[in-house]
Amino acid sequence: MRNASSPHITLSPFQLDPPNPKRMRLIDLTVHTSDRPRPLSQEASPSRWKTLEFRIYAVFIFCIVLTMAWIPTTLSSPTHPNYPRFRSRLSQGWLFGRPVDNSDAQFRAFRSNFIPLTLAAAGYLVAKFIRTRLHGSKPPSDNMYLIPFNFGASIITVVALHGTSALKIFAILTANYYISKRSGGSKSGPICSWIFNVAVIFLNDWYSGYRFRDLTSSLAFLDSFDGIYPRWHLSFNITMLRLISFSMDYYWACNSPTGATEVSTEKQRQTTAHSESMYSYLNYISYALYPPLYLAGPILSFNDYIWQHRKPLTIPRSTVLGYCLRFLICVLTMEFILHFMYVVAIKDTKAWVGDTPAQIAMIGFWNLIVVWLKLMIVWRFFRLWALASGIEAPENMIRCMANNYSVFGFWRSWHRSYNIWLIRYIYIPVGGTHNKIVNTLLVFTFVALWHDLTFRLLAWGWLVSLFVVPELAARYVLPESKYGHKPWYRHACALGAVFNILMLMAANLVGFVLGLDGMKFFVQQLFGTAEGLRFLAGASICLFAASHLMFEYREDEKRHGIMRKC
């Protein structure tokens, strides 16, 4: 990229918001990541926001968004014929005397335990503050003294959550540590660690976390002490990623120099190895069970975790408070949706009999919005906890779900920390771009099975892999480097974006909302009726206009030195 000669604002690598902006910019709606800021781009096109074309797009999309919100609201009305079918799924709400759709099991668990989780986070932060004060009045050069504190906090957390099942967790972690350290720099280390961890995931699912009584009747009494969250094996998939991270990072550390390299960016912290002594059991347990990120992530690599203790980041209080405000806005947005759009209950009870294709599509779309919001809220809560304790984990949800038009970009912005993990520990080791399609299929197969050992998610993984092919073909046939200056190019890209968005929605509806049977019914309504075809044509026009707005939003980011691959 060519460097601009004009001055530019330099962002702190660890700042989530621009320093002292004169006014709120449109691009500030997207959370800033800790990537190194770039000079203002000369490659970005002149702004089109005030052109007649984009004014028309904006007004058109504004009206469409209002309609998209109105449809599920009317479907959720007590006067709707299908309301009795899903009424039993609703709970007492707190907004405007309306019931709330609290039927999503994952978000219900988080929502019901929000206050206990907040108290636990506050207790951890207070204990850390006391430990820091006890360390001495002089600020230390590093935070390695907090490793034993996190080790102790990890033990308390795991025992409180899982009771005697903590013994099973420590047995698995110790076995993985032994495999990794025993192998040293041998290639057998990562291979054995991968085999062991994949086997553990399958066995955890098969035996539902195991029971002590299945080992011997004399240990049956231990099963009664199961903690606050007995189903430890459901959250262990996240821990498994950390075990692989430790094993692979240790293997690379044994086979690469570990000089005093400057580590100022997130990527450098992930890829720069430590001396072998840093890969100790104490550091390993402290990392694998680090309380703020233990249950749900975001996923932090072992190297990054240790670097942030060796060379602590300066995270301004304003950054933490700003991120807290973002989190609260997300929570309130979710509450409004759950109080006015009962789309999860409608989906679960299949209460769409007699609905038009447009109405069924909006049930699916807003279910995807709920999935996006619930994951973002959970991840941002735990990331906020980590930020407040001085650890910066990767941001998972960079863009709104509806601000994606590329299969690759969608995945990079949807579960970013997991994507970083997949690239470092699977995609690059198996060959990376040398065999992009096959390696992508391998990655998404792993992703599907890692989420849940079901055919529905396996179908989702394969569909996403399949939808990568048209995008790769389009990039090859119409490269931006050759045709980007042509007037028709962005319109051709918008047509491709329409196809991509429809395919992405189809794959995610299969994997996370409707399932194969529900999707089959929707496709029949969409392509088997004249009304369905009219809706598809209208939706494609809307997506065409929306794609242009997404393109321009990214061009606006370039003009301000923000370069994202999503």
Protein backbone atom coordinates (compact mmCIF):
# COMPACT_ATOMS: atom_id res chain seq x y z
CA MET A 1 0.00 0.00 0.00
CA ARG A 2 1.23 3.47 -0.84
CA ASN A 3 1.83 5.78 2.11
CA ALA A 4 -0.11 9.03 2.27
CA SER A 5 1.87 12.23 2.75
CA SER A 6 -0.93 13.86 4.75
CA PRO A 7 -0.85 13.62 8.57
CA HIS A 8 -2.88 10.89 10.24
CA ILE A 9 -4.18 10.03 13.68
CA THR A 10 -2.15 7.36 15.42
CA LEU A 11 -4.18 4.96 17.52
CA SER A 12 -2.77 3.22 20.54
CA PRO A 13 -2.40 -0.48 19.71
CA PHE A 14 -4.48 -1.24 22.79
CA GLN A 15 -7.12 1.43 22.43
CA LEU A 16 -10.64 0.47 21.45
CA ASP A 17 -11.70 3.97 20.49
CA PRO A 18 -9.94 6.85 18.68
CA PRO A 19 -8.24 9.34 21.02
CA ASN A 20 -10.33 12.47 21.59
CA PRO A 21 -12.27 12.47 18.31
CA LYS A 22 -13.74 15.85 17.45
CA ARG A 23 -17.00 14.21 16.47
CA MET A 24 -18.51 10.76 16.22
CA ARG A 25 -17.78 9.16 12.86
CA LEU A 26 -19.84 6.47 11.16
CA ILE A 27 -16.91 4.04 11.22
CA ASP A 28 -16.64 4.44 15.01
CA LEU A 29 -19.69 2.20 15.32
CA THR A 30 -17.35 -0.73 14.60
CA VAL A 31 -15.21 -1.72 17.57
CA HIS A 32 -11.50 -1.02 17.09
CA THR A 33 -9.07 -3.90 17.36
CA SER A 34 -5.46 -3.82 18.52
CA ASP A 35 -4.00 -4.06 15.02
CA ARG A 36 -1.18 -1.66 14.24
CA PRO A 37 -2.68 1.53 12.72
CA ARG A 38 -1.75 2.32 9.13
CA PRO A 39 -1.22 5.63 7.34
CA LEU A 40 -4.21 7.14 5.62
CA SER A 41 -4.79 5.22 2.42
CA GLN A 42 -4.30 6.77 -1.01
CA GLU A 43 -5.91 3.69 -2.57
CA ALA A 44 -9.34 4.40 -1.12
CA SER A 45 -11.79 5.97 -3.54
CA PRO A 46 -13.28 9.44 -2.98
CA SER A 47 -16.23 9.44 -0.61
CA ARG A 48 -19.58 8.57 -2.20
CA TRP A 49 -21.75 9.11 0.88
CA LYS A 50 -23.15 12.43 -0.37
CA THR A 51 -23.73 11.37 -3.97
CA LEU A 52 -27.30 10.98 -5.26
CA GLU A 53 -26.75 7.24 -5.79
CA PHE A 54 -25.83 6.62 -2.16
CA ARG A 55 -28.49 8.94 -0.78
CA ILE A 56 -31.04 6.79 -2.62
CA TYR A 57 -29.43 3.61 -1.26
CA ALA A 58 -29.52 4.99 2.29
CA VAL A 59 -33.18 6.05 2.18
CA PHE A 60 -34.17 2.78 0.54
CA ILE A 61 -32.34 0.62 3.08
CA PHE A 62 -33.67 2.70 5.98
CA CYS A 63 -37.24 1.97 4.88
CA ILE A 64 -36.42 -1.71 4.36
CA VAL A 65 -34.89 -2.04 7.83
CA LEU A 66 -38.04 -0.55 9.39
CA THR A 67 -40.10 -3.12 7.47
CA MET A 68 -37.78 -5.92 8.59
CA ALA A 69 -38.37 -4.90 12.21
CA TRP A 70 -42.11 -4.48 11.75
CA ILE A 71 -42.70 -7.98 10.31
CA PRO A 72 -41.47 -10.05 13.30
CA THR A 73 -43.12 -7.58 15.70
CA THR A 74 -46.52 -8.23 14.10
CA LEU A 75 -45.87 -11.98 14.10
CA SER A 76 -45.28 -11.69 17.87
CA SER A 77 -48.57 -9.91 18.52
CA PRO A 78 -51.11 -11.66 20.80
CA THR A 79 -53.67 -11.11 18.03
CA HIS A 80 -51.71 -13.21 15.53
CA PRO A 81 -53.32 -16.63 14.79
CA ASN A 82 -50.09 -18.50 15.62
CA TYR A 83 -49.56 -16.77 18.99
CA PRO A 84 -51.20 -19.55 21.07
CA ARG A 85 -48.72 -22.05 19.63
CA PHE A 86 -45.68 -20.34 21.16
CA ARG A 87 -47.23 -18.42 24.09
CA SER A 88 -46.10 -21.08 26.60
CA ARG A 89 -42.48 -20.38 25.64
CA LEU A 90 -42.65 -16.78 26.83
CA SER A 91 -41.70 -15.57 30.31
CA GLN A 92 -42.55 -12.52 32.38
CA GLY A 93 -40.63 -9.51 31.09
CA TRP A 94 -39.60 -6.16 32.56
CA LEU A 95 -40.05 -3.78 29.60
CA PHE A 96 -43.41 -2.04 29.07
CA GLY A 97 -45.34 -4.93 30.65
CA ARG A 98 -44.53 -7.24 27.74
CA PRO A 99 -43.55 -10.93 27.98
CA VAL A 100 -39.96 -11.82 27.07
CA ASP A 101 -38.78 -14.60 24.78
CA ASN A 102 -36.27 -16.22 27.13
CA SER A 103 -36.47 -19.60 25.39
CA ASP A 104 -32.92 -19.71 24.01
CA ALA A 105 -31.20 -22.07 26.46
CA GLN A 106 -27.70 -20.62 26.06
CA PHE A 107 -28.68 -17.01 26.57
CA ARG A 108 -31.17 -17.92 29.30
CA ALA A 109 -28.32 -19.49 31.29
CA PHE A 110 -26.21 -16.34 30.91
CA ARG A 111 -29.12 -13.97 31.53
CA SER A 112 -30.22 -15.83 34.67
CA ASN A 113 -26.68 -15.88 36.06
CA PHE A 114 -25.64 -12.37 35.05
CA ILE A 115 -25.58 -11.01 38.61
CA PRO A 116 -23.63 -13.99 40.08
CA LEU A 117 -21.14 -13.73 37.20
CA THR A 118 -20.75 -10.00 37.77
CA LEU A 119 -20.16 -10.58 41.49
CA ALA A 120 -17.60 -13.29 40.68
CA ALA A 121 -15.79 -10.91 38.31
CA ALA A 122 -15.84 -8.16 40.93
CA GLY A 123 -14.51 -10.55 43.58
CA TYR A 124 -11.67 -11.63 41.31
CA LEU A 125 -10.74 -8.03 40.49
CA VAL A 126 -10.79 -7.01 44.16
CA ALA A 127 -8.60 -10.00 45.09
CA LYS A 128 -6.18 -9.11 42.27
CA PHE A 129 -6.07 -5.50 43.46
CA ILE A 130 -5.22 -6.64 47.00
CA ARG A 131 -2.54 -9.01 45.67
CA THR A 132 -1.00 -6.17 43.65
CA ARG A 133 -0.96 -3.89 46.69
CA LEU A 134 0.69 -6.58 48.79
CA HIS A 135 3.42 -6.97 46.17
CA GLY A 136 4.82 -3.58 47.10
CA SER A 137 4.43 0.12 46.50
CA LYS A 138 6.95 0.23 43.66
CA PRO A 139 5.39 -0.73 40.31
CA PRO A 140 6.94 -4.02 39.10
CA SER A 141 8.54 -4.27 35.66
CA ASP A 142 6.38 -7.27 34.83
CA ASN A 143 3.30 -9.09 36.09
CA MET A 144 4.78 -12.57 36.42
CA TYR A 145 4.06 -12.37 40.15
CA LEU A 146 0.36 -12.66 39.20
CA ILE A 147 0.85 -16.13 37.68
CA PRO A 148 0.66 -17.90 41.09
CA PHE A 149 -2.37 -15.73 41.93
CA ASN A 150 -4.11 -16.80 38.71
CA PHE A 151 -3.10 -20.40 39.40
CA GLY A 152 -4.83 -20.28 42.79
CA ALA A 153 -7.84 -18.42 41.39
CA SER A 154 -8.10 -21.03 38.62
CA ILE A 155 -8.24 -23.89 41.12
CA ILE A 156 -10.92 -22.12 43.18
CA THR A 157 -12.94 -21.32 40.03
CA VAL A 158 -12.85 -24.85 38.62
CA VAL A 159 -13.69 -26.50 41.95
CA ALA A 160 -16.57 -24.07 42.55
CA LEU A 161 -17.95 -24.61 39.06
CA HIS A 162 -17.46 -28.35 38.66
CA GLY A 163 -16.94 -29.79 42.13
CA THR A 164 -15.11 -33.11 42.11
CA SER A 165 -15.08 -33.07 38.29
CA ALA A 166 -12.16 -30.67 38.72
CA LEU A 167 -10.10 -33.83 39.30
CA LYS A 168 -11.00 -35.03 35.79
CA ILE A 169 -10.04 -31.67 34.30
CA PHE A 170 -6.68 -31.59 36.07
CA ALA A 171 -6.01 -35.19 35.02
CA ILE A 172 -6.59 -34.28 31.35
CA LEU A 173 -4.51 -31.11 31.60
CA THR A 174 -1.65 -32.92 33.32
CA ALA A 175 -1.66 -35.70 30.72
CA ASN A 176 -1.49 -33.15 27.89
CA TYR A 177 1.35 -31.31 29.64
CA TYR A 178 3.28 -34.55 30.06
CA ILE A 179 2.80 -35.45 26.37
CA SER A 180 4.02 -32.02 25.24
CA LYS A 181 7.04 -31.77 27.55
CA ARG A 182 8.05 -35.38 27.02
CA SER A 183 8.16 -34.88 23.24
CA GLY A 184 10.09 -31.60 23.38
CA GLY A 185 10.95 -30.40 19.89
CA SER A 186 10.01 -33.69 18.23
CA LYS A 187 7.23 -33.63 15.61
CA SER A 188 5.57 -36.41 17.56
CA GLY A 189 4.67 -33.85 20.25
CA PRO A 190 2.01 -31.88 18.32
CA ILE A 191 0.75 -35.08 16.66
CA CYS A 192 0.30 -36.91 19.97
CA SER A 193 -1.24 -33.84 21.59
CA TRP A 194 -3.75 -33.47 18.75
CA ILE A 195 -4.69 -37.16 18.88
CA PHE A 196 -5.06 -37.02 22.65
CA ASN A 197 -7.21 -33.88 22.69
CA VAL A 198 -9.50 -34.94 19.84
CA ALA A 199 -9.98 -38.30 21.58
CA VAL A 200 -10.83 -36.51 24.83
CA ILE A 201 -13.46 -34.37 23.08
CA PHE A 202 -15.14 -37.45 21.57
CA LEU A 203 -14.97 -39.41 24.83
CA ASN A 204 -16.31 -36.47 26.83
CA ASP A 205 -19.34 -36.37 24.57
CA TRP A 206 -19.78 -40.15 24.47
CA TYR A 207 -19.63 -40.59 28.26
CA SER A 208 -21.29 -37.24 29.10
CA GLY A 209 -18.35 -36.13 31.21
CA TYR A 210 -17.83 -39.53 32.89
CA ARG A 211 -19.00 -40.65 36.32
CA PHE A 212 -16.81 -41.75 39.21
CA ARG A 213 -19.17 -44.65 39.88
CA ASP A 214 -18.35 -46.03 36.43
CA LEU A 215 -14.73 -46.39 37.54
CA THR A 216 -15.48 -48.06 40.85
CA SER A 217 -18.46 -48.11 43.19
CA SER A 218 -16.25 -46.97 46.06
CA LEU A 219 -15.89 -43.55 44.36
CA ALA A 220 -19.61 -43.11 43.70
CA PHE A 221 -19.93 -40.62 46.58
CA LEU A 222 -17.77 -38.14 44.62
CA ASP A 223 -20.52 -37.77 42.02
CA SER A 224 -22.69 -35.94 44.55
CA PHE A 225 -20.25 -33.01 44.73
CA ASP A 226 -20.84 -31.68 41.23
CA GLY A 227 -20.48 -27.91 41.75
CA ILE A 228 -22.43 -24.97 40.33
CA TYR A 229 -22.01 -26.13 36.72
CA PRO A 230 -21.85 -29.95 36.69
CA ARG A 231 -21.68 -30.35 32.89
CA TRP A 232 -18.02 -29.43 32.71
CA HIS A 233 -17.50 -31.31 29.44
CA LEU A 234 -19.68 -28.82 27.53
CA SER A 235 -17.28 -25.95 28.15
CA PHE A 236 -14.16 -28.10 27.90
CA ASN A 237 -14.03 -27.66 24.12
CA ILE A 238 -12.76 -24.12 24.75
CA THR A 239 -10.13 -25.44 27.17
CA MET A 240 -9.05 -28.00 24.59
CA LEU A 241 -8.07 -25.16 22.24
CA ARG A 242 -5.76 -23.79 24.92
CA LEU A 243 -4.16 -27.18 25.44
CA ILE A 244 -3.39 -27.39 21.72
CA SER A 245 -2.07 -23.82 21.81
CA PHE A 246 0.35 -24.67 24.63
CA SER A 247 1.56 -27.85 22.91
CA MET A 248 2.12 -26.20 19.53
CA ASP A 249 3.69 -23.05 20.98
CA TYR A 250 6.05 -25.17 23.07
CA TYR A 251 6.99 -27.27 20.04
CA TRP A 252 7.82 -24.15 18.01
CA ALA A 253 9.73 -22.66 20.96
CA CYS A 254 11.93 -25.76 21.05
CA ASN A 255 12.70 -25.35 17.35
CA SER A 256 13.12 -21.59 16.97
CA PRO A 257 15.36 -18.89 18.46
CA THR A 258 13.97 -16.92 21.40
CA GLY A 259 15.80 -13.62 21.34
CA ALA A 260 14.69 -10.42 23.04
CA THR A 261 12.24 -9.53 20.29
CA GLU A 262 10.03 -6.46 20.56
CA VAL A 263 6.40 -7.54 20.88
CA SER A 264 4.12 -4.55 20.45
CA THR A 265 1.26 -6.02 18.41
CA GLU A 266 -1.25 -8.77 18.97
CA LYS A 267 0.21 -10.88 16.16
CA GLN A 268 3.76 -10.54 17.48
CA ARG A 269 2.64 -11.66 20.93
CA GLN A 270 1.03 -14.74 19.41
CA THR A 271 3.94 -15.82 17.24
CA THR A 272 7.02 -14.83 19.27
CA ALA A 273 8.26 -17.76 21.36
CA HIS A 274 9.53 -17.65 24.94
CA SER A 275 12.45 -19.47 26.50
CA GLU A 276 11.67 -23.09 27.36
CA SER A 277 11.54 -22.31 31.08
CA MET A 278 8.42 -20.22 30.50
CA TYR A 279 6.50 -23.32 29.40
CA SER A 280 6.17 -24.52 33.00
CA TYR A 281 3.30 -26.38 34.65
CA LEU A 282 2.44 -23.34 36.78
CA ASN A 283 2.21 -21.06 33.74
CA TYR A 284 0.33 -23.75 31.81
CA ILE A 285 -2.43 -24.24 34.40
CA SER A 286 -2.67 -20.50 35.02
CA TYR A 287 -3.23 -20.01 31.28
CA ALA A 288 -5.53 -22.96 30.55
CA LEU A 289 -7.91 -22.15 33.42
CA TYR A 290 -7.53 -18.34 33.54
CA PRO A 291 -10.85 -17.39 35.25
CA PRO A 292 -12.05 -14.45 33.08
CA LEU A 293 -11.72 -16.46 29.84
CA TYR A 294 -12.23 -20.00 31.13
CA LEU A 295 -15.91 -20.60 30.37
CA ALA A 296 -16.38 -19.06 26.93
CA GLY A 297 -13.25 -17.29 25.74
CA PRO A 298 -12.27 -15.30 23.70
CA ILE A 299 -9.40 -17.62 22.88
CA LEU A 300 -5.95 -16.34 23.82
CA SER A 301 -2.77 -18.17 22.78
CA PHE A 302 -0.29 -19.33 25.41
CA ASN A 303 2.47 -17.12 23.98
CA ASP A 304 0.22 -14.07 24.10
CA TYR A 305 -0.89 -14.78 27.67
CA ILE A 306 2.69 -15.03 28.95
CA TRP A 307 3.87 -11.98 26.97
CA GLN A 308 1.12 -9.91 28.56
CA HIS A 309 2.52 -10.90 31.95
CA ARG A 310 6.16 -10.37 30.98
CA LYS A 311 5.46 -7.04 29.27
CA PRO A 312 2.15 -5.76 30.65
CA LEU A 313 -0.04 -3.68 28.37
CA THR A 314 -1.20 -0.21 29.26
CA ILE A 315 -4.96 -0.35 29.00
CA PRO A 316 -6.43 3.09 29.80
CA ARG A 317 -9.38 3.23 32.18
CA SER A 318 -11.32 5.11 29.49
CA THR A 319 -10.88 2.11 27.21
CA VAL A 320 -12.38 -0.26 29.78
CA LEU A 321 -15.27 2.13 30.51
CA GLY A 322 -15.91 2.66 26.79
CA TYR A 323 -15.97 -1.07 26.22
CA CYS A 324 -18.32 -1.49 29.19
CA LEU A 325 -20.67 1.05 27.59
CA ARG A 326 -20.62 -0.90 24.31
CA PHE A 327 -21.44 -4.06 26.24
CA LEU A 328 -24.40 -2.47 28.03
CA ILE A 329 -25.78 -1.11 24.74
CA CYS A 330 -25.61 -4.64 23.29
CA VAL A 331 -27.46 -6.04 26.33
CA LEU A 332 -30.23 -3.43 26.07
CA THR A 333 -30.55 -4.05 22.32
CA MET A 334 -30.97 -7.76 22.98
CA GLU A 335 -33.56 -7.09 25.68
CA PHE A 336 -35.64 -4.94 23.31
CA ILE A 337 -35.53 -7.65 20.63
CA LEU A 338 -36.53 -10.40 23.08
CA HIS A 339 -39.42 -8.27 24.41
CA PHE A 340 -40.83 -7.34 20.99
CA MET A 341 -39.82 -10.16 18.61
CA TYR A 342 -40.56 -13.69 19.79
CA VAL A 343 -38.71 -15.26 16.88
CA VAL A 344 -36.86 -17.89 18.95
CA ALA A 345 -40.12 -19.21 20.39
CA ILE A 346 -41.70 -19.16 16.92
CA LYS A 347 -38.74 -21.08 15.51
CA ASP A 348 -38.69 -23.66 18.31
CA THR A 349 -42.42 -24.40 18.00
CA LYS A 350 -42.43 -24.15 14.19
CA ALA A 351 -45.27 -21.64 14.51
CA TRP A 352 -44.97 -20.38 10.96
CA VAL A 353 -48.02 -22.11 9.47
CA GLY A 354 -49.73 -19.74 7.05
CA ASP A 355 -46.87 -17.24 7.08
CA THR A 356 -45.63 -15.76 3.81
CA PRO A 357 -42.09 -16.40 2.50
CA ALA A 358 -41.14 -12.87 3.58
CA GLN A 359 -42.38 -13.54 7.11
CA ILE A 360 -40.57 -16.89 7.32
CA ALA A 361 -37.41 -15.22 6.02
CA MET A 362 -37.63 -12.57 8.75
CA ILE A 363 -38.11 -15.26 11.41
CA GLY A 364 -34.88 -16.83 10.17
CA PHE A 365 -33.04 -13.52 9.83
CA TRP A 366 -33.89 -12.27 13.32
CA ASN A 367 -33.00 -15.66 14.78
CA LEU A 368 -29.55 -15.16 13.27
CA ILE A 369 -29.44 -11.68 14.82
CA VAL A 370 -30.29 -13.22 18.20
CA VAL A 371 -27.53 -15.83 17.76
CA TRP A 372 -25.06 -13.07 16.86
CA LEU A 373 -26.10 -10.84 19.76
CA LYS A 374 -26.13 -13.56 22.40
CA LEU A 375 -22.64 -14.72 21.46
CA MET A 376 -21.34 -11.16 21.31
CA ILE A 377 -22.81 -10.35 24.72
CA VAL A 378 -21.28 -13.43 26.35
CA TRP A 379 -17.88 -12.94 24.71
CA ARG A 380 -17.79 -9.21 25.49
CA PHE A 381 -18.69 -9.83 29.12
CA PHE A 382 -15.74 -12.16 29.64
CA ARG A 383 -13.43 -10.01 27.49
CA LEU A 384 -14.43 -6.97 29.56
CA TRP A 385 -13.56 -8.94 32.71
CA ALA A 386 -10.15 -9.79 31.24
CA LEU A 387 -9.57 -6.18 30.13
CA ALA A 388 -10.35 -4.93 33.62
CA SER A 389 -7.74 -7.36 34.97
CA GLY A 390 -5.10 -6.15 32.49
CA ILE A 391 -5.29 -8.87 29.84
CA GLU A 392 -6.34 -8.02 26.28
CA ALA A 393 -7.97 -10.99 24.55
CA PRO A 394 -8.78 -10.78 20.81
CA GLU A 395 -12.11 -9.16 19.99
CA ASN A 396 -14.47 -11.83 18.63
CA MET A 397 -17.29 -9.90 16.99
CA ILE A 398 -15.87 -7.05 14.94
CA ARG A 399 -18.77 -6.33 12.60
CA CYS A 400 -22.53 -6.58 12.82
CA MET A 401 -23.84 -9.82 11.35
CA ALA A 402 -25.70 -7.81 8.71
CA ASN A 403 -22.50 -6.02 7.65
CA ASN A 404 -20.90 -8.98 5.87
CA TYR A 405 -20.88 -9.97 2.23
CA SER A 406 -17.83 -12.26 1.95
CA VAL A 407 -17.56 -15.84 3.20
CA PHE A 408 -13.95 -15.23 4.26
CA GLY A 409 -14.72 -11.83 5.76
CA PHE A 410 -17.73 -13.16 7.63
CA TRP A 411 -15.73 -15.87 9.33
CA ARG A 412 -12.86 -13.50 10.18
CA SER A 413 -15.23 -11.08 11.90
CA TRP A 414 -17.70 -13.58 13.43
CA HIS A 415 -15.49 -15.54 15.85
CA ARG A 416 -12.21 -13.74 15.33
CA SER A 417 -10.20 -15.31 18.15
CA TYR A 418 -11.19 -18.78 16.96
CA ASN A 419 -10.28 -17.85 13.39
CA ILE A 420 -6.84 -16.70 14.58
CA TRP A 421 -6.44 -20.00 16.43
CA LEU A 422 -7.51 -22.04 13.38
CA ILE A 423 -5.10 -20.24 11.06
CA ARG A 424 -2.13 -20.61 13.43
CA TYR A 425 -2.69 -24.18 14.61
CA ILE A 426 -4.46 -25.90 11.67
CA TYR A 427 -4.61 -23.94 8.41
CA ILE A 428 -0.94 -22.92 8.15
CA PRO A 429 0.52 -26.23 9.49
CA VAL A 430 -1.44 -28.27 6.90
CA GLY A 431 -0.31 -26.10 3.97
CA GLY A 432 -2.29 -22.86 4.06
CA THR A 433 -2.97 -21.37 0.64
CA HIS A 434 -1.10 -24.12 -1.24
CA ASN A 435 -4.34 -26.13 -1.35
CA LYS A 436 -6.89 -23.58 -0.24
CA ILE A 437 -10.13 -25.45 -0.99
CA VAL A 438 -9.10 -28.76 0.62
CA ASN A 439 -7.60 -27.03 3.65
CA THR A 440 -10.71 -24.87 4.06
CA LEU A 441 -12.87 -28.00 3.97
CA LEU A 442 -10.65 -29.58 6.62
CA VAL A 443 -10.85 -26.49 8.83
CA PHE A 444 -14.63 -26.15 8.64
CA THR A 445 -15.13 -29.87 9.23
CA PHE A 446 -13.12 -29.49 12.43
CA VAL A 447 -15.07 -26.35 13.35
CA ALA A 448 -18.41 -28.14 12.92
CA LEU A 449 -17.39 -31.21 14.94
CA TRP A 450 -15.76 -29.04 17.60
CA HIS A 451 -19.02 -27.13 18.10
CA ASP A 452 -21.19 -30.22 18.32
CA LEU A 453 -20.98 -33.81 17.11
CA THR A 454 -24.14 -33.57 15.00
CA PHE A 455 -24.86 -33.97 11.30
CA ARG A 456 -26.59 -30.58 11.22
CA LEU A 457 -23.40 -28.70 12.08
CA LEU A 458 -21.35 -30.98 9.84
CA ALA A 459 -23.69 -29.99 7.01
CA TRP A 460 -23.14 -26.35 7.97
CA GLY A 461 -19.36 -26.77 7.81
CA TRP A 462 -19.49 -28.41 4.40
CA LEU A 463 -21.92 -25.80 3.05
CA VAL A 464 -19.63 -22.95 4.13
CA SER A 465 -16.67 -24.74 2.52
CA LEU A 466 -18.68 -25.19 -0.67
CA PHE A 467 -19.67 -21.52 -0.78
CA VAL A 468 -16.01 -20.52 -0.64
CA VAL A 469 -15.51 -21.87 -4.18
CA PRO A 470 -17.63 -19.28 -6.07
CA GLU A 471 -15.93 -16.43 -4.20
CA LEU A 472 -12.47 -17.78 -5.01
CA ALA A 473 -13.47 -18.25 -8.65
CA ALA A 474 -14.82 -14.70 -8.89
CA ARG A 475 -11.62 -13.28 -7.40
CA TYR A 476 -9.59 -15.24 -9.92
CA VAL A 477 -11.69 -14.27 -12.97
CA LEU A 478 -12.24 -10.63 -11.95
CA PRO A 479 -9.24 -9.57 -9.83
CA GLU A 480 -9.46 -6.10 -8.29
CA SER A 481 -5.89 -5.35 -9.37
CA LYS A 482 -6.96 -5.63 -13.01
CA TYR A 483 -10.55 -4.39 -13.07
CA GLY A 484 -10.89 -2.35 -9.87
CA HIS A 485 -10.72 0.96 -11.75
CA LYS A 486 -13.58 0.05 -14.10
CA PRO A 487 -16.93 1.83 -13.43
CA TRP A 488 -18.85 -1.46 -13.62
CA TYR A 489 -16.58 -3.35 -11.24
CA ARG A 490 -18.21 -2.41 -7.93
CA HIS A 491 -21.65 -3.25 -9.37
CA ALA A 492 -20.38 -6.67 -10.43
CA CYS A 493 -18.98 -7.12 -6.92
CA ALA A 494 -22.35 -6.15 -5.47
CA LEU A 495 -24.04 -8.87 -7.54
CA GLY A 496 -21.52 -11.37 -6.22
CA ALA A 497 -22.13 -10.08 -2.70
CA VAL A 498 -25.87 -10.73 -3.09
CA PHE A 499 -25.12 -14.36 -3.95
CA ASN A 500 -22.67 -14.66 -1.05
CA ILE A 501 -25.11 -13.19 1.48
CA LEU A 502 -27.90 -15.53 0.40
CA MET A 503 -25.58 -18.52 0.65
CA LEU A 504 -24.23 -17.44 4.04
CA MET A 505 -27.73 -17.03 5.40
CA ALA A 506 -28.71 -20.45 4.05
CA ALA A 507 -25.71 -22.15 5.67
CA ASN A 508 -26.22 -20.46 9.03
CA LEU A 509 -29.96 -21.11 9.02
CA VAL A 510 -29.18 -24.80 8.55
CA GLY A 511 -26.48 -24.87 11.22
CA PHE A 512 -27.87 -22.65 13.95
CA VAL A 513 -31.57 -21.90 13.40
CA LEU A 514 -33.89 -24.01 11.26
CA GLY A 515 -31.94 -27.20 10.73
CA LEU A 516 -32.21 -29.25 7.54
CA ASP A 517 -35.96 -29.92 7.82
CA GLY A 518 -36.87 -26.31 8.54
CA MET A 519 -34.64 -25.10 5.74
CA LYS A 520 -36.25 -27.58 3.33
CA PHE A 521 -39.68 -26.14 4.16
CA PHE A 522 -38.43 -22.57 3.66
CA VAL A 523 -36.83 -23.40 0.29
CA GLN A 524 -40.10 -24.99 -0.85
CA GLN A 525 -41.97 -21.81 0.06
CA LEU A 526 -39.32 -19.63 -1.56
CA PHE A 527 -38.97 -21.38 -4.91
CA GLY A 528 -42.28 -23.25 -5.08
CA THR A 529 -44.61 -20.27 -4.97
CA ALA A 530 -44.98 -17.11 -7.04
CA GLU A 531 -44.99 -15.05 -3.85
CA GLY A 532 -41.71 -16.67 -2.82
CA LEU A 533 -40.05 -15.82 -6.12
CA ARG A 534 -41.26 -12.21 -5.90
CA PHE A 535 -39.82 -11.97 -2.40
CA LEU A 536 -36.49 -13.42 -3.56
CA ALA A 537 -36.29 -10.86 -6.36
CA GLY A 538 -37.12 -8.01 -3.98
CA ALA A 539 -34.66 -9.27 -1.36
CA SER A 540 -31.91 -9.44 -3.99
CA ILE A 541 -32.49 -5.80 -4.92
CA CYS A 542 -32.30 -4.82 -1.25
CA LEU A 543 -29.09 -6.79 -0.76
CA PHE A 544 -27.60 -5.17 -3.89
CA ALA A 545 -28.13 -1.70 -2.41
CA ALA A 546 -26.95 -2.84 1.03
CA SER A 547 -23.77 -4.32 -0.48
CA HIS A 548 -22.84 -0.93 -1.94
CA LEU A 549 -23.23 0.62 1.52
CA MET A 550 -20.99 -2.10 2.98
CA PHE A 551 -18.36 -1.45 0.29
CA GLU A 552 -18.41 2.29 0.97
CA TYR A 553 -18.20 1.73 4.73
CA ARG A 554 -14.96 -0.20 4.21
CA GLU A 555 -13.65 2.47 1.84
CA ASP A 556 -14.35 5.03 4.56
CA GLU A 557 -12.30 2.92 6.97
CA LYS A 558 -9.41 2.94 4.49
CA ARG A 559 -9.57 6.73 4.31
CA HIS A 560 -8.96 6.80 8.06
CA GLY A 561 -6.10 4.30 8.04
CA ILE A 562 -8.19 1.31 9.16
CA MET A 563 -7.48 -1.83 7.13
CA ARG A 564 -9.45 -4.94 8.00
CA LYS A 565 -9.69 -8.22 6.13
CA CYS A 566 -13.40 -8.45 6.77
